[in-house]
Amino acid sequence: MIHKLVSAPISMVIKVGEKIKEEADKELYDLPTIQQKLIQLQMMYELGEMPERAFQEKEEELLTRYEIAKQREMEQWDTLTKKK
């Protein structure tokens, strides 16, 4: 019984941490969100609202996230199709 009382808060913290990671990953690697941010970035650059170097750095970051998101999507698709 004491073990359950001690481990309950720890397991709750772990569950909350997992949920936070899941939501952060969703935001960080959501394809439509990344595409929208790339469009906004391009518009800001074309309107002269940001220097070329800052644009290139941010674009590279977003494209890397896009590649990771696409890879994750393909892995999920493979997993789903292999189960059937």
C-alpha atoms as a PDB file:
ATOM      1  CA  MET A   1       0.000   0.000   0.000  1.00  0.00           C
ATOM      2  CA  ILE A   2       2.780   2.428   0.869  1.00  0.00           C
ATOM      3  CA  HIS A   3       4.435   1.564  -2.435  1.00  0.00           C
ATOM      4  CA  LYS A   4       1.278   2.648  -4.280  1.00  0.00           C
ATOM      5  CA  LEU A   5       1.168   5.926  -2.358  1.00  0.00           C
ATOM      6  CA  VAL A   6       4.787   6.695  -3.210  1.00  0.00           C
ATOM      7  CA  SER A   7       4.709   5.532  -6.825  1.00  0.00           C
ATOM      8  CA  ALA A   8       1.382   7.177  -7.693  1.00  0.00           C
ATOM      9  CA  PRO A   9       2.815  10.724  -7.815  1.00  0.00           C
ATOM     10  CA  ILE A  10       5.788   9.521  -9.854  1.00  0.00           C
ATOM     11  CA  SER A  11       3.614   7.732 -12.373  1.00  0.00           C
ATOM     12  CA  MET A  12       1.394  10.813 -12.631  1.00  0.00           C
ATOM     13  CA  VAL A  13       4.432  13.004 -13.344  1.00  0.00           C
ATOM     14  CA  ILE A  14       5.581  10.520 -15.996  1.00  0.00           C
ATOM     15  CA  LYS A  15       2.143  10.533 -17.648  1.00  0.00           C
ATOM     16  CA  VAL A  16       2.029  14.331 -17.646  1.00  0.00           C
ATOM     17  CA  GLY A  17       5.543  14.447 -19.118  1.00  0.00           C
ATOM     18  CA  GLU A  18       4.592  11.988 -21.849  1.00  0.00           C
ATOM     19  CA  LYS A  19       1.504  14.045 -22.699  1.00  0.00           C
ATOM     20  CA  ILE A  20       3.553  17.258 -22.875  1.00  0.00           C
ATOM     21  CA  LYS A  21       6.084  15.572 -25.168  1.00  0.00           C
ATOM     22  CA  GLU A  22       3.283  14.235 -27.354  1.00  0.00           C
ATOM     23  CA  GLU A  23       1.709  17.691 -27.709  1.00  0.00           C
ATOM     24  CA  ALA A  24       5.071  19.357 -28.355  1.00  0.00           C
ATOM     25  CA  ASP A  25       5.903  16.783 -31.036  1.00  0.00           C
ATOM     26  CA  LYS A  26       2.503  17.348 -32.611  1.00  0.00           C
ATOM     27  CA  GLU A  27       3.138  21.092 -32.782  1.00  0.00           C
ATOM     28  CA  LEU A  28       6.753  20.743 -33.834  1.00  0.00           C
ATOM     29  CA  TYR A  29       6.171  18.132 -36.530  1.00  0.00           C
ATOM     30  CA  ASP A  30       2.669  18.917 -37.790  1.00  0.00           C
ATOM     31  CA  LEU A  31       2.934  19.113 -41.598  1.00  0.00           C
ATOM     32  CA  PRO A  32       0.206  21.742 -42.182  1.00  0.00           C
ATOM     33  CA  THR A  33       1.665  23.938 -39.429  1.00  0.00           C
ATOM     34  CA  ILE A  34       5.147  23.714 -40.913  1.00  0.00           C
ATOM     35  CA  GLN A  35       3.822  24.471 -44.409  1.00  0.00           C
ATOM     36  CA  GLN A  36       1.970  27.528 -43.086  1.00  0.00           C
ATOM     37  CA  LYS A  37       5.085  28.759 -41.302  1.00  0.00           C
ATOM     38  CA  LEU A  38       7.129  28.349 -44.493  1.00  0.00           C
ATOM     39  CA  ILE A  39       4.572  30.439 -46.400  1.00  0.00           C
ATOM     40  CA  GLN A  40       4.582  33.135 -43.711  1.00  0.00           C
ATOM     41  CA  LEU A  41       8.374  33.145 -43.670  1.00  0.00           C
ATOM     42  CA  GLN A  42       8.536  33.558 -47.454  1.00  0.00           C
ATOM     43  CA  MET A  43       6.044  36.420 -47.322  1.00  0.00           C
ATOM     44  CA  MET A  44       7.980  38.183 -44.557  1.00  0.00           C
ATOM     45  CA  TYR A  45      11.191  37.882 -46.545  1.00  0.00           C
ATOM     46  CA  GLU A  46       9.626  39.095 -49.788  1.00  0.00           C
ATOM     47  CA  LEU A  47       8.110  42.085 -47.992  1.00  0.00           C
ATOM     48  CA  GLY A  48      11.526  42.982 -46.620  1.00  0.00           C
ATOM     49  CA  GLU A  49      10.541  42.293 -43.021  1.00  0.00           C
ATOM     50  CA  MET A  50      13.567  40.080 -42.372  1.00  0.00           C
ATOM     51  CA  PRO A  51      17.152  39.912 -43.598  1.00  0.00           C
ATOM     52  CA  GLU A  52      18.217  37.171 -45.983  1.00  0.00           C
ATOM     53  CA  ARG A  53      20.483  35.429 -43.439  1.00  0.00           C
ATOM     54  CA  ALA A  54      17.677  35.153 -40.855  1.00  0.00           C
ATOM     55  CA  PHE A  55      15.336  33.902 -43.576  1.00  0.00           C
ATOM     56  CA  GLN A  56      17.794  31.213 -44.667  1.00  0.00           C
ATOM     57  CA  GLU A  57      18.372  30.008 -41.101  1.00  0.00           C
ATOM     58  CA  LYS A  58      14.675  29.796 -40.289  1.00  0.00           C
ATOM     59  CA  GLU A  59      13.862  28.199 -43.646  1.00  0.00           C
ATOM     60  CA  GLU A  60      16.529  25.540 -43.079  1.00  0.00           C
ATOM     61  CA  GLU A  61      15.095  24.792 -39.624  1.00  0.00           C
ATOM     62  CA  LEU A  62      11.550  24.490 -40.973  1.00  0.00           C
ATOM     63  CA  LEU A  63      12.624  22.297 -43.889  1.00  0.00           C
ATOM     64  CA  THR A  64      14.465  19.977 -41.494  1.00  0.00           C
ATOM     65  CA  ARG A  65      11.335  19.733 -39.339  1.00  0.00           C
ATOM     66  CA  TYR A  66       9.300  19.069 -42.495  1.00  0.00           C
ATOM     67  CA  GLU A  67      11.592  16.209 -43.506  1.00  0.00           C
ATOM     68  CA  ILE A  68      11.351  14.669 -40.034  1.00  0.00           C
ATOM     69  CA  ALA A  69       7.570  15.043 -40.058  1.00  0.00           C
ATOM     70  CA  LYS A  70       7.320  13.375 -43.464  1.00  0.00           C
ATOM     71  CA  GLN A  71       9.542  10.530 -42.286  1.00  0.00           C
ATOM     72  CA  ARG A  72       7.359  10.044 -39.198  1.00  0.00           C
ATOM     73  CA  GLU A  73       4.247  10.067 -41.356  1.00  0.00           C
ATOM     74  CA  MET A  74       5.721   7.394 -43.620  1.00  0.00           C
ATOM     75  CA  GLU A  75       6.724   5.264 -40.615  1.00  0.00           C
ATOM     76  CA  GLN A  76       3.204   5.521 -39.204  1.00  0.00           C
ATOM     77  CA  TRP A  77       1.768   4.554 -42.579  1.00  0.00           C
ATOM     78  CA  ASP A  78       4.106   1.552 -42.787  1.00  0.00           C
ATOM     79  CA  THR A  79       3.091   0.474 -39.293  1.00  0.00           C
ATOM     80  CA  LEU A  80      -0.602   0.749 -40.112  1.00  0.00           C
ATOM     81  CA  THR A  81      -0.326  -1.139 -43.389  1.00  0.00           C
ATOM     82  CA  LYS A  82       1.778  -3.927 -41.899  1.00  0.00           C
ATOM     83  CA  LYS A  83      -0.801  -4.622 -39.184  1.00  0.00           C
ATOM     84  CA  LYS A  84      -3.432  -5.593 -41.735  1.00  0.00           C
END
